[in-house]
Amino acid sequence: MRLFFRKAISAMKASLAAGSLLALAACAGGATPTGVASTQASVAAADQVASAPFNPGDYRLGSGDEVRVIVFGENELSGTFKVDGSGYIALPLVGNLDVSGKTLRQFEDALSAKLKEGYMTEPKVSAEVANFRPFYILGEVQQPGTYPFTSGLTVQNAVATARGYTYRADQRRVYIKHQGDIKETETRITTTTPVLPGDTIRVPERLF
């Protein structure tokens, strides 16, 4: 019986040694362990999503945006209107119009349709974002808070706006949560990492 257990233990040791050699050989040959490869792929995918450039044409309206509306020939219907916390804009004649999640083109079409309901025959509507909703920056920066969004804003610009990093900050990565998202995404910081209107940026503490 003792001889049997000794042989079994020897076999297990040989198997473990062989597995270790195979793993080392894979690393030496440039291969990446499955778990590490999966993590790297997830981070790369998150970076790709977070690095998508800001395209005003695809922008969807939300709470905090200010929209400049022009109804041609109707000055009393034109002006700058703010999207409230529920995603509505209060407009003359029309009343409250739900614009949350709509592009500017969709908003123009919706407003035109409303004006045709007994007010105008062929309304001509133009809209643009006068002021985008602000962004938020938290964590290891000198002055966390809410700041105005400007086109072309990057994470590095946002940190500079918040008076720079604290001495504890991890300056290689941030966590970004887009407005409407449930979870934040870890993102590597580059010179071009964009910030979108309504984003919440969290600068983590570095690991010593």
N, C-alpha and C. Protein backbone atom coordinates (compact mmCIF):
# COMPACT_ATOMS: atom_id res chain seq x y z
N MET A 1 0.83 -1.21 0.00
CA MET A 1 0.00 0.00 0.00
C MET A 1 0.86 1.26 0.00
N ARG A 2 1.92 1.29 0.84
CA ARG A 2 2.81 2.44 0.88
C ARG A 2 3.48 2.65 -0.47
N LEU A 3 3.85 1.54 -1.09
CA LEU A 3 4.48 1.64 -2.41
C LEU A 3 3.52 2.27 -3.42
N PHE A 4 2.27 1.93 -3.32
CA PHE A 4 1.24 2.47 -4.24
C PHE A 4 1.12 3.99 -4.07
N PHE A 5 1.06 4.47 -2.80
CA PHE A 5 0.95 5.90 -2.56
C PHE A 5 2.19 6.65 -3.01
N ARG A 6 3.37 6.04 -2.79
CA ARG A 6 4.61 6.69 -3.24
C ARG A 6 4.61 6.87 -4.75
N LYS A 7 4.14 5.83 -5.47
CA LYS A 7 4.09 5.92 -6.93
C LYS A 7 3.08 6.99 -7.37
N ALA A 8 1.93 7.10 -6.67
CA ALA A 8 0.92 8.08 -7.02
C ALA A 8 1.44 9.49 -6.81
N ILE A 9 2.14 9.69 -5.66
CA ILE A 9 2.69 11.01 -5.37
C ILE A 9 3.74 11.40 -6.40
N SER A 10 4.58 10.44 -6.77
CA SER A 10 5.62 10.69 -7.78
C SER A 10 4.99 11.09 -9.10
N ALA A 11 3.89 10.41 -9.45
CA ALA A 11 3.21 10.71 -10.72
C ALA A 11 2.63 12.12 -10.70
N MET A 12 2.05 12.51 -9.54
CA MET A 12 1.49 13.86 -9.43
C MET A 12 2.57 14.92 -9.55
N LYS A 13 3.71 14.71 -8.91
CA LYS A 13 4.81 15.66 -8.99
C LYS A 13 5.30 15.80 -10.42
N ALA A 14 5.39 14.68 -11.12
CA ALA A 14 5.84 14.71 -12.51
C ALA A 14 4.86 15.50 -13.37
N SER A 15 3.57 15.30 -13.10
CA SER A 15 2.55 16.01 -13.88
C SER A 15 2.62 17.51 -13.64
N LEU A 16 2.78 17.91 -12.37
CA LEU A 16 2.87 19.32 -12.05
C LEU A 16 4.12 19.95 -12.67
N ALA A 17 5.21 19.23 -12.63
CA ALA A 17 6.45 19.74 -13.21
C ALA A 17 6.29 19.94 -14.71
N ALA A 18 5.63 18.98 -15.35
CA ALA A 18 5.43 19.08 -16.80
C ALA A 18 4.55 20.28 -17.13
N GLY A 19 3.52 20.50 -16.32
CA GLY A 19 2.64 21.65 -16.55
C GLY A 19 3.38 22.96 -16.39
N SER A 20 4.27 23.04 -15.39
CA SER A 20 5.04 24.25 -15.17
C SER A 20 5.97 24.53 -16.34
N LEU A 21 6.59 23.45 -16.85
CA LEU A 21 7.50 23.60 -17.99
C LEU A 21 6.75 24.09 -19.22
N LEU A 22 5.54 23.55 -19.42
CA LEU A 22 4.74 23.98 -20.56
C LEU A 22 4.37 25.45 -20.45
N ALA A 23 4.00 25.90 -19.24
CA ALA A 23 3.64 27.29 -19.03
C ALA A 23 4.83 28.21 -19.29
N LEU A 24 6.01 27.79 -18.79
CA LEU A 24 7.21 28.58 -19.03
C LEU A 24 7.56 28.64 -20.49
N ALA A 25 7.37 27.52 -21.17
CA ALA A 25 7.66 27.47 -22.60
C ALA A 25 6.72 28.39 -23.37
N ALA A 26 5.47 28.43 -22.94
CA ALA A 26 4.51 29.29 -23.61
C ALA A 26 4.86 30.76 -23.43
N CYS A 27 5.28 31.11 -22.21
CA CYS A 27 5.67 32.49 -21.95
C CYS A 27 6.91 32.86 -22.75
N ALA A 28 7.89 31.94 -22.79
CA ALA A 28 9.12 32.19 -23.52
C ALA A 28 8.83 32.33 -25.00
N GLY A 29 7.84 31.64 -25.48
CA GLY A 29 7.50 31.69 -26.90
C GLY A 29 6.60 32.85 -27.25
N GLY A 30 6.28 33.72 -26.27
CA GLY A 30 5.47 34.89 -26.55
C GLY A 30 3.99 34.67 -26.30
N ALA A 31 3.59 33.48 -25.87
CA ALA A 31 2.17 33.23 -25.63
C ALA A 31 1.76 33.84 -24.30
N THR A 32 0.52 34.20 -24.18
CA THR A 32 -0.02 34.80 -22.96
C THR A 32 -1.01 33.86 -22.33
N PRO A 33 -0.88 33.58 -21.01
CA PRO A 33 -1.85 32.72 -20.34
C PRO A 33 -3.28 33.19 -20.60
N THR A 34 -4.20 32.24 -20.63
CA THR A 34 -5.58 32.53 -21.01
C THR A 34 -6.21 33.61 -20.13
N GLY A 35 -6.05 33.51 -18.81
CA GLY A 35 -6.66 34.48 -17.91
C GLY A 35 -6.12 35.87 -18.14
N VAL A 36 -4.79 35.99 -18.32
CA VAL A 36 -4.17 37.29 -18.55
C VAL A 36 -4.62 37.86 -19.88
N ALA A 37 -4.68 36.99 -20.89
CA ALA A 37 -5.11 37.44 -22.22
C ALA A 37 -6.53 37.97 -22.18
N SER A 38 -7.40 37.28 -21.41
CA SER A 38 -8.78 37.72 -21.30
C SER A 38 -8.87 39.09 -20.65
N THR A 39 -8.08 39.31 -19.57
CA THR A 39 -8.09 40.59 -18.88
C THR A 39 -7.58 41.70 -19.78
N GLN A 40 -6.48 41.41 -20.51
CA GLN A 40 -5.91 42.40 -21.41
C GLN A 40 -6.90 42.77 -22.50
N ALA A 41 -7.61 41.76 -23.01
CA ALA A 41 -8.59 42.02 -24.06
C ALA A 41 -9.73 42.89 -23.55
N SER A 42 -10.16 42.65 -22.29
CA SER A 42 -11.26 43.44 -21.71
C SER A 42 -10.84 44.89 -21.54
N VAL A 43 -9.60 45.11 -21.04
CA VAL A 43 -9.11 46.47 -20.85
C VAL A 43 -8.98 47.18 -22.19
N ALA A 44 -8.44 46.45 -23.20
CA ALA A 44 -8.28 47.04 -24.52
C ALA A 44 -9.63 47.44 -25.11
N ALA A 45 -10.63 46.59 -24.92
CA ALA A 45 -11.97 46.90 -25.44
C ALA A 45 -12.55 48.11 -24.74
N ALA A 46 -12.36 48.19 -23.42
CA ALA A 46 -12.86 49.34 -22.66
C ALA A 46 -12.18 50.62 -23.11
N ASP A 47 -10.85 50.55 -23.35
CA ASP A 47 -10.12 51.72 -23.82
C ASP A 47 -10.64 52.18 -25.17
N GLN A 48 -10.96 51.21 -26.04
CA GLN A 48 -11.46 51.55 -27.37
C GLN A 48 -12.80 52.27 -27.28
N VAL A 49 -13.68 51.79 -26.41
CA VAL A 49 -14.98 52.43 -26.24
C VAL A 49 -14.82 53.82 -25.64
N ALA A 50 -14.00 53.92 -24.59
CA ALA A 50 -13.82 55.20 -23.91
C ALA A 50 -13.12 56.21 -24.79
N SER A 51 -12.33 55.73 -25.79
CA SER A 51 -11.57 56.63 -26.64
C SER A 51 -12.33 57.06 -27.88
N ALA A 52 -13.60 56.67 -27.99
CA ALA A 52 -14.40 57.09 -29.15
C ALA A 52 -14.51 58.61 -29.15
N PRO A 53 -14.16 59.26 -30.27
CA PRO A 53 -14.18 60.73 -30.31
C PRO A 53 -15.59 61.28 -30.18
N PHE A 54 -15.69 62.51 -29.69
CA PHE A 54 -16.97 63.17 -29.53
C PHE A 54 -17.45 63.67 -30.89
N ASN A 55 -18.63 63.22 -31.29
CA ASN A 55 -19.20 63.61 -32.57
C ASN A 55 -20.50 64.37 -32.30
N PRO A 56 -20.51 65.71 -32.47
CA PRO A 56 -21.72 66.48 -32.18
C PRO A 56 -22.93 66.02 -32.98
N GLY A 57 -22.70 65.48 -34.18
CA GLY A 57 -23.81 65.03 -35.01
C GLY A 57 -24.55 63.84 -34.42
N ASP A 58 -23.84 63.03 -33.62
CA ASP A 58 -24.45 61.87 -32.98
C ASP A 58 -24.90 62.16 -31.55
N TYR A 59 -24.69 63.39 -31.10
CA TYR A 59 -24.96 63.73 -29.71
C TYR A 59 -26.44 63.60 -29.38
N ARG A 60 -26.72 63.05 -28.22
CA ARG A 60 -28.10 62.88 -27.77
C ARG A 60 -28.35 63.77 -26.56
N LEU A 61 -29.41 64.51 -26.63
CA LEU A 61 -29.73 65.50 -25.61
C LEU A 61 -30.05 64.85 -24.28
N GLY A 62 -29.78 65.59 -23.22
CA GLY A 62 -30.07 65.10 -21.88
C GLY A 62 -30.14 66.24 -20.89
N SER A 63 -30.43 65.89 -19.65
CA SER A 63 -30.59 66.88 -18.59
C SER A 63 -29.35 67.77 -18.47
N GLY A 64 -29.57 69.08 -18.44
CA GLY A 64 -28.48 70.02 -18.29
C GLY A 64 -28.06 70.70 -19.58
N ASP A 65 -28.45 70.14 -20.73
CA ASP A 65 -28.12 70.77 -22.01
C ASP A 65 -28.96 72.03 -22.21
N GLU A 66 -28.39 73.02 -22.89
CA GLU A 66 -29.12 74.21 -23.29
C GLU A 66 -29.18 74.22 -24.82
N VAL A 67 -30.39 74.30 -25.36
CA VAL A 67 -30.60 74.19 -26.80
C VAL A 67 -31.11 75.51 -27.35
N ARG A 68 -30.44 75.98 -28.41
CA ARG A 68 -30.89 77.19 -29.10
C ARG A 68 -31.82 76.78 -30.23
N VAL A 69 -33.05 77.26 -30.18
CA VAL A 69 -34.09 76.89 -31.15
C VAL A 69 -34.45 78.11 -31.99
N ILE A 70 -34.49 77.92 -33.30
CA ILE A 70 -34.93 78.98 -34.21
C ILE A 70 -36.09 78.44 -35.04
N VAL A 71 -37.23 79.09 -34.91
CA VAL A 71 -38.38 78.80 -35.77
C VAL A 71 -38.45 79.97 -36.73
N PHE A 72 -38.10 79.74 -37.98
CA PHE A 72 -37.97 80.82 -38.96
C PHE A 72 -39.29 81.59 -39.13
N GLY A 73 -39.15 82.91 -39.02
CA GLY A 73 -40.32 83.78 -39.14
C GLY A 73 -41.15 83.89 -37.88
N GLU A 74 -40.73 83.24 -36.80
CA GLU A 74 -41.50 83.24 -35.55
C GLU A 74 -40.55 83.53 -34.38
N ASN A 75 -40.24 84.80 -34.20
CA ASN A 75 -39.28 85.17 -33.15
C ASN A 75 -39.76 84.80 -31.75
N GLU A 76 -41.06 84.87 -31.53
CA GLU A 76 -41.59 84.56 -30.20
C GLU A 76 -41.48 83.08 -29.85
N LEU A 77 -41.27 82.25 -30.85
CA LEU A 77 -41.10 80.82 -30.61
C LEU A 77 -39.63 80.41 -30.55
N SER A 78 -38.75 81.35 -30.83
CA SER A 78 -37.31 81.06 -30.86
C SER A 78 -36.66 81.47 -29.54
N GLY A 79 -35.51 80.89 -29.25
CA GLY A 79 -34.80 81.22 -28.02
C GLY A 79 -33.92 80.08 -27.56
N THR A 80 -33.34 80.23 -26.39
CA THR A 80 -32.48 79.21 -25.79
C THR A 80 -33.22 78.58 -24.62
N PHE A 81 -33.31 77.27 -24.63
CA PHE A 81 -34.11 76.55 -23.63
C PHE A 81 -33.26 75.45 -23.00
N LYS A 82 -33.47 75.24 -21.71
CA LYS A 82 -32.68 74.25 -20.97
C LYS A 82 -33.48 72.97 -20.76
N VAL A 83 -32.78 71.83 -20.93
CA VAL A 83 -33.40 70.53 -20.68
C VAL A 83 -33.44 70.31 -19.17
N ASP A 84 -34.63 70.06 -18.62
CA ASP A 84 -34.75 69.92 -17.17
C ASP A 84 -34.31 68.52 -16.71
N GLY A 85 -34.41 68.30 -15.41
CA GLY A 85 -33.95 67.05 -14.83
C GLY A 85 -34.70 65.83 -15.29
N SER A 86 -35.89 66.03 -15.87
CA SER A 86 -36.69 64.90 -16.38
C SER A 86 -36.49 64.67 -17.87
N GLY A 87 -35.66 65.52 -18.50
CA GLY A 87 -35.41 65.36 -19.93
C GLY A 87 -36.38 66.11 -20.81
N TYR A 88 -37.09 67.10 -20.26
CA TYR A 88 -38.07 67.86 -21.03
C TYR A 88 -37.60 69.30 -21.25
N ILE A 89 -38.06 69.89 -22.37
CA ILE A 89 -37.87 71.31 -22.64
C ILE A 89 -39.24 71.97 -22.67
N ALA A 90 -39.36 73.10 -21.97
CA ALA A 90 -40.61 73.86 -21.97
C ALA A 90 -40.54 74.90 -23.09
N LEU A 91 -41.42 74.75 -24.09
CA LEU A 91 -41.40 75.60 -25.28
C LEU A 91 -42.70 76.38 -25.41
N PRO A 92 -42.65 77.60 -25.98
CA PRO A 92 -43.88 78.37 -26.20
C PRO A 92 -44.84 77.61 -27.11
N LEU A 93 -46.11 77.72 -26.83
CA LEU A 93 -47.20 77.07 -27.56
C LEU A 93 -47.21 75.56 -27.36
N VAL A 94 -46.08 74.94 -27.53
CA VAL A 94 -45.99 73.47 -27.49
C VAL A 94 -46.08 72.94 -26.08
N GLY A 95 -45.51 73.66 -25.14
CA GLY A 95 -45.44 73.16 -23.76
C GLY A 95 -44.22 72.28 -23.56
N ASN A 96 -44.33 71.28 -22.71
CA ASN A 96 -43.21 70.40 -22.40
C ASN A 96 -43.03 69.35 -23.49
N LEU A 97 -41.81 69.26 -24.00
CA LEU A 97 -41.48 68.29 -25.05
C LEU A 97 -40.36 67.40 -24.56
N ASP A 98 -40.59 66.10 -24.60
CA ASP A 98 -39.58 65.13 -24.15
C ASP A 98 -38.47 65.04 -25.20
N VAL A 99 -37.23 65.42 -24.81
CA VAL A 99 -36.10 65.40 -25.75
C VAL A 99 -34.99 64.47 -25.29
N SER A 100 -35.15 63.84 -24.16
CA SER A 100 -34.09 62.99 -23.61
C SER A 100 -33.75 61.85 -24.58
N GLY A 101 -32.46 61.75 -24.92
CA GLY A 101 -32.01 60.69 -25.81
C GLY A 101 -32.18 60.98 -27.29
N LYS A 102 -32.71 62.14 -27.63
CA LYS A 102 -32.93 62.50 -29.03
C LYS A 102 -31.71 63.24 -29.59
N THR A 103 -31.42 63.03 -30.88
CA THR A 103 -30.44 63.84 -31.56
C THR A 103 -31.07 65.18 -31.91
N LEU A 104 -30.26 66.13 -32.33
CA LEU A 104 -30.81 67.43 -32.71
C LEU A 104 -31.78 67.29 -33.87
N ARG A 105 -31.47 66.43 -34.84
CA ARG A 105 -32.37 66.23 -35.97
C ARG A 105 -33.70 65.65 -35.50
N GLN A 106 -33.66 64.70 -34.59
CA GLN A 106 -34.90 64.12 -34.06
C GLN A 106 -35.70 65.15 -33.28
N PHE A 107 -35.00 66.02 -32.54
CA PHE A 107 -35.68 67.09 -31.81
C PHE A 107 -36.35 68.06 -32.78
N GLU A 108 -35.65 68.43 -33.85
CA GLU A 108 -36.23 69.32 -34.85
C GLU A 108 -37.49 68.72 -35.46
N ASP A 109 -37.44 67.43 -35.78
CA ASP A 109 -38.61 66.75 -36.37
C ASP A 109 -39.77 66.71 -35.38
N ALA A 110 -39.45 66.42 -34.10
CA ALA A 110 -40.51 66.34 -33.08
C ALA A 110 -41.17 67.70 -32.86
N LEU A 111 -40.37 68.76 -32.83
CA LEU A 111 -40.91 70.09 -32.62
C LEU A 111 -41.75 70.52 -33.84
N SER A 112 -41.27 70.22 -35.04
CA SER A 112 -42.03 70.55 -36.25
C SER A 112 -43.39 69.86 -36.24
N ALA A 113 -43.39 68.59 -35.84
CA ALA A 113 -44.64 67.83 -35.79
C ALA A 113 -45.61 68.45 -34.80
N LYS A 114 -45.10 68.92 -33.66
CA LYS A 114 -45.97 69.54 -32.66
C LYS A 114 -46.54 70.86 -33.17
N LEU A 115 -45.71 71.65 -33.85
CA LEU A 115 -46.17 72.94 -34.35
C LEU A 115 -47.20 72.78 -35.45
N LYS A 116 -47.18 71.66 -36.13
CA LYS A 116 -48.18 71.41 -37.18
C LYS A 116 -49.54 71.06 -36.60
N GLU A 117 -49.58 70.75 -35.31
CA GLU A 117 -50.84 70.36 -34.69
C GLU A 117 -51.67 71.60 -34.33
N GLY A 118 -52.06 72.35 -35.35
CA GLY A 118 -52.94 73.49 -35.13
C GLY A 118 -52.27 74.82 -35.00
N TYR A 119 -50.94 74.88 -35.09
CA TYR A 119 -50.24 76.15 -34.92
C TYR A 119 -49.68 76.70 -36.23
N MET A 120 -48.96 75.86 -36.98
CA MET A 120 -48.33 76.30 -38.21
C MET A 120 -48.52 75.24 -39.28
N THR A 121 -48.49 75.69 -40.55
CA THR A 121 -48.69 74.75 -41.66
C THR A 121 -47.39 74.05 -42.03
N GLU A 122 -46.34 74.84 -42.29
CA GLU A 122 -45.04 74.28 -42.66
C GLU A 122 -43.94 74.94 -41.84
N PRO A 123 -43.82 74.57 -40.58
CA PRO A 123 -42.78 75.20 -39.75
C PRO A 123 -41.37 74.78 -40.18
N LYS A 124 -40.46 75.73 -40.12
CA LYS A 124 -39.05 75.46 -40.40
C LYS A 124 -38.27 75.66 -39.10
N VAL A 125 -37.74 74.57 -38.59
CA VAL A 125 -37.10 74.58 -37.28
C VAL A 125 -35.62 74.24 -37.40
N SER A 126 -34.81 74.99 -36.70
CA SER A 126 -33.37 74.70 -36.61
C SER A 126 -32.98 74.70 -35.14
N ALA A 127 -32.12 73.75 -34.76
CA ALA A 127 -31.70 73.66 -33.35
C ALA A 127 -30.22 73.33 -33.26
N GLU A 128 -29.59 73.86 -32.23
CA GLU A 128 -28.19 73.55 -31.94
C GLU A 128 -27.98 73.61 -30.43
N VAL A 129 -26.94 72.92 -29.97
CA VAL A 129 -26.64 72.94 -28.54
C VAL A 129 -25.87 74.22 -28.22
N ALA A 130 -26.47 75.07 -27.43
CA ALA A 130 -25.81 76.31 -27.03
C ALA A 130 -24.76 76.04 -25.95
N ASN A 131 -25.12 75.19 -25.00
CA ASN A 131 -24.19 74.79 -23.93
C ASN A 131 -24.44 73.32 -23.60
N PHE A 132 -23.37 72.53 -23.68
CA PHE A 132 -23.48 71.12 -23.33
C PHE A 132 -23.56 70.97 -21.81
N ARG A 133 -24.16 69.86 -21.37
CA ARG A 133 -24.24 69.60 -19.94
C ARG A 133 -22.82 69.43 -19.38
N PRO A 134 -22.61 69.76 -18.11
CA PRO A 134 -21.26 69.74 -17.53
C PRO A 134 -20.76 68.33 -17.29
N PHE A 135 -19.46 68.24 -16.99
CA PHE A 135 -18.87 66.97 -16.58
C PHE A 135 -18.50 67.06 -15.10
N TYR A 136 -18.26 65.91 -14.50
CA TYR A 136 -17.96 65.82 -13.08
C TYR A 136 -16.63 65.08 -12.90
N ILE A 137 -15.81 65.58 -12.01
CA ILE A 137 -14.54 64.90 -11.73
C ILE A 137 -14.38 64.74 -10.22
N LEU A 138 -14.07 63.52 -9.82
CA LEU A 138 -14.00 63.14 -8.41
C LEU A 138 -12.67 62.46 -8.11
N GLY A 139 -12.42 62.21 -6.84
CA GLY A 139 -11.26 61.43 -6.44
C GLY A 139 -10.02 62.28 -6.23
N GLU A 140 -8.89 61.77 -6.69
CA GLU A 140 -7.60 62.34 -6.35
C GLU A 140 -7.20 63.50 -7.27
N VAL A 141 -8.01 64.57 -7.22
CA VAL A 141 -7.66 65.84 -7.85
C VAL A 141 -7.77 66.94 -6.81
N GLN A 142 -7.13 68.06 -7.09
CA GLN A 142 -7.06 69.12 -6.09
C GLN A 142 -8.43 69.75 -5.79
N GLN A 143 -9.25 69.90 -6.83
CA GLN A 143 -10.56 70.53 -6.64
C GLN A 143 -11.64 69.72 -7.36
N PRO A 144 -12.12 68.64 -6.74
CA PRO A 144 -13.20 67.86 -7.34
C PRO A 144 -14.44 68.74 -7.49
N GLY A 145 -15.24 68.44 -8.51
CA GLY A 145 -16.46 69.22 -8.67
C GLY A 145 -17.06 69.10 -10.05
N THR A 146 -17.94 70.04 -10.37
CA THR A 146 -18.64 70.10 -11.65
C THR A 146 -18.05 71.22 -12.48
N TYR A 147 -17.76 70.93 -13.76
CA TYR A 147 -17.13 71.92 -14.62
C TYR A 147 -17.80 71.95 -15.99
N PRO A 148 -17.78 73.11 -16.65
CA PRO A 148 -18.39 73.21 -17.97
C PRO A 148 -17.66 72.34 -19.00
N PHE A 149 -18.44 71.75 -19.89
CA PHE A 149 -17.86 70.95 -20.97
C PHE A 149 -17.50 71.86 -22.14
N THR A 150 -16.35 71.57 -22.76
CA THR A 150 -15.96 72.26 -23.98
C THR A 150 -15.60 71.21 -25.03
N SER A 151 -15.88 71.51 -26.28
CA SER A 151 -15.61 70.56 -27.35
C SER A 151 -14.12 70.22 -27.41
N GLY A 152 -13.80 68.94 -27.58
CA GLY A 152 -12.42 68.51 -27.63
C GLY A 152 -11.80 68.23 -26.28
N LEU A 153 -12.61 68.25 -25.23
CA LEU A 153 -12.10 68.03 -23.87
C LEU A 153 -11.53 66.64 -23.71
N THR A 154 -10.36 66.53 -23.08
CA THR A 154 -9.73 65.25 -22.77
C THR A 154 -9.63 65.08 -21.26
N VAL A 155 -9.28 63.86 -20.83
CA VAL A 155 -9.11 63.61 -19.40
C VAL A 155 -8.01 64.49 -18.82
N GLN A 156 -6.92 64.65 -19.55
CA GLN A 156 -5.84 65.49 -19.05
C GLN A 156 -6.29 66.95 -18.90
N ASN A 157 -7.10 67.44 -19.85
CA ASN A 157 -7.64 68.79 -19.72
C ASN A 157 -8.54 68.90 -18.49
N ALA A 158 -9.36 67.85 -18.28
CA ALA A 158 -10.29 67.84 -17.16
C ALA A 158 -9.54 67.88 -15.83
N VAL A 159 -8.46 67.11 -15.73
CA VAL A 159 -7.64 67.11 -14.52
C VAL A 159 -7.02 68.48 -14.30
N ALA A 160 -6.54 69.10 -15.38
CA ALA A 160 -5.94 70.43 -15.26
C ALA A 160 -6.98 71.45 -14.79
N THR A 161 -8.23 71.31 -15.29
CA THR A 161 -9.31 72.20 -14.86
C THR A 161 -9.56 72.06 -13.36
N ALA A 162 -9.38 70.84 -12.85
CA ALA A 162 -9.58 70.58 -11.42
C ALA A 162 -8.30 70.83 -10.62
N ARG A 163 -7.40 71.63 -11.17
CA ARG A 163 -6.16 72.07 -10.50
C ARG A 163 -5.13 70.95 -10.32
N GLY A 164 -5.23 69.90 -11.12
CA GLY A 164 -4.20 68.88 -11.11
C GLY A 164 -4.43 67.74 -10.12
N TYR A 165 -3.51 66.77 -10.17
CA TYR A 165 -3.59 65.59 -9.32
C TYR A 165 -3.16 65.89 -7.89
N THR A 166 -3.63 65.07 -6.96
CA THR A 166 -3.06 65.05 -5.62
C THR A 166 -1.81 64.16 -5.64
N TYR A 167 -1.04 64.18 -4.58
CA TYR A 167 0.18 63.37 -4.56
C TYR A 167 -0.13 61.88 -4.50
N ARG A 168 -1.37 61.53 -4.13
CA ARG A 168 -1.74 60.11 -4.02
C ARG A 168 -2.31 59.55 -5.33
N ALA A 169 -2.51 60.40 -6.32
CA ALA A 169 -3.26 60.00 -7.51
C ALA A 169 -2.51 58.99 -8.38
N ASP A 170 -3.27 58.08 -8.96
CA ASP A 170 -2.76 57.19 -10.00
C ASP A 170 -2.90 57.96 -11.32
N GLN A 171 -1.80 58.36 -11.90
CA GLN A 171 -1.84 59.19 -13.08
C GLN A 171 -1.84 58.39 -14.38
N ARG A 172 -2.02 57.07 -14.25
CA ARG A 172 -2.02 56.22 -15.45
C ARG A 172 -3.42 55.79 -15.86
N ARG A 173 -4.40 55.90 -14.96
CA ARG A 173 -5.73 55.39 -15.28
C ARG A 173 -6.80 56.20 -14.56
N VAL A 174 -8.01 56.16 -15.12
CA VAL A 174 -9.17 56.79 -14.48
C VAL A 174 -10.37 55.86 -14.68
N TYR A 175 -11.44 56.17 -13.98
CA TYR A 175 -12.71 55.46 -14.17
C TYR A 175 -13.71 56.48 -14.72
N ILE A 176 -14.35 56.13 -15.83
CA ILE A 176 -15.29 57.03 -16.48
C ILE A 176 -16.67 56.39 -16.56
N LYS A 177 -17.68 57.15 -16.17
CA LYS A 177 -19.07 56.70 -16.31
C LYS A 177 -19.81 57.72 -17.16
N HIS A 178 -20.29 57.25 -18.32
CA HIS A 178 -21.05 58.13 -19.19
C HIS A 178 -22.46 58.30 -18.63
N GLN A 179 -23.06 59.45 -18.89
CA GLN A 179 -24.42 59.70 -18.41
C GLN A 179 -25.37 58.65 -18.98
N GLY A 180 -26.14 58.04 -18.10
CA GLY A 180 -27.07 56.99 -18.51
C GLY A 180 -26.52 55.59 -18.29
N ASP A 181 -25.18 55.47 -18.14
CA ASP A 181 -24.59 54.16 -17.87
C ASP A 181 -24.75 53.80 -16.40
N ILE A 182 -24.74 52.50 -16.13
CA ILE A 182 -24.87 52.03 -14.75
C ILE A 182 -23.50 51.90 -14.09
N LYS A 183 -22.52 51.42 -14.87
CA LYS A 183 -21.20 51.15 -14.31
C LYS A 183 -20.16 52.08 -14.91
N GLU A 184 -19.11 52.33 -14.14
CA GLU A 184 -17.98 53.08 -14.65
C GLU A 184 -16.99 52.13 -15.33
N THR A 185 -16.16 52.66 -16.21
CA THR A 185 -15.22 51.86 -16.98
C THR A 185 -13.80 52.32 -16.68
N GLU A 186 -12.93 51.36 -16.36
CA GLU A 186 -11.52 51.70 -16.15
C GLU A 186 -10.87 51.99 -17.50
N THR A 187 -10.15 53.10 -17.57
CA THR A 187 -9.57 53.55 -18.84
C THR A 187 -8.14 54.04 -18.62
N ARG A 188 -7.24 53.61 -19.49
CA ARG A 188 -5.87 54.13 -19.44
C ARG A 188 -5.85 55.56 -19.96
N ILE A 189 -5.05 56.41 -19.32
CA ILE A 189 -4.98 57.80 -19.70
C ILE A 189 -3.98 57.98 -20.83
N THR A 190 -4.42 58.61 -21.92
CA THR A 190 -3.53 59.02 -23.00
C THR A 190 -3.76 60.51 -23.24
N THR A 191 -3.00 61.07 -24.15
CA THR A 191 -3.16 62.49 -24.44
C THR A 191 -4.47 62.78 -25.16
N THR A 192 -5.12 61.73 -25.68
CA THR A 192 -6.35 61.95 -26.45
C THR A 192 -7.58 61.30 -25.83
N THR A 193 -7.48 60.77 -24.60
CA THR A 193 -8.64 60.13 -23.97
C THR A 193 -9.75 61.17 -23.80
N PRO A 194 -10.90 61.01 -24.50
CA PRO A 194 -11.91 62.07 -24.52
C PRO A 194 -12.82 62.06 -23.31
N VAL A 195 -13.40 63.20 -23.05
CA VAL A 195 -14.47 63.35 -22.05
C VAL A 195 -15.71 63.79 -22.81
N LEU A 196 -16.85 63.19 -22.49
CA LEU A 196 -18.11 63.53 -23.14
C LEU A 196 -18.98 64.35 -22.19
N PRO A 197 -19.92 65.11 -22.71
CA PRO A 197 -20.84 65.85 -21.84
C PRO A 197 -21.55 64.93 -20.85
N GLY A 198 -21.58 65.33 -19.60
CA GLY A 198 -22.25 64.54 -18.58
C GLY A 198 -21.41 63.42 -17.98
N ASP A 199 -20.17 63.25 -18.45
CA ASP A 199 -19.31 62.19 -17.91
C ASP A 199 -18.97 62.45 -16.46
N THR A 200 -18.82 61.35 -15.71
CA THR A 200 -18.26 61.42 -14.35
C THR A 200 -16.91 60.73 -14.38
N ILE A 201 -15.86 61.46 -14.04
CA ILE A 201 -14.50 60.94 -14.05
C ILE A 201 -14.05 60.76 -12.61
N ARG A 202 -13.54 59.58 -12.32
CA ARG A 202 -13.01 59.33 -10.97
C ARG A 202 -11.54 58.97 -11.07
N VAL A 203 -10.71 59.76 -10.41
CA VAL A 203 -9.27 59.52 -10.40
C VAL A 203 -8.95 58.69 -9.15
N PRO A 204 -8.45 57.45 -9.33
CA PRO A 204 -8.22 56.60 -8.15
C PRO A 204 -6.89 56.92 -7.47
N GLU A 205 -6.76 56.39 -6.27
CA GLU A 205 -5.50 56.49 -5.53
C GLU A 205 -4.55 55.41 -6.05
N ARG A 206 -3.28 55.77 -6.18
CA ARG A 206 -2.34 54.79 -6.70
C ARG A 206 -2.00 53.75 -5.64
N LEU A 207 -1.61 52.58 -6.09
CA LEU A 207 -1.22 51.49 -5.19
C LEU A 207 0.27 51.58 -4.95
N PHE A 208 0.67 51.75 -3.70
CA PHE A 208 2.09 51.90 -3.37
C PHE A 208 2.78 50.54 -3.40
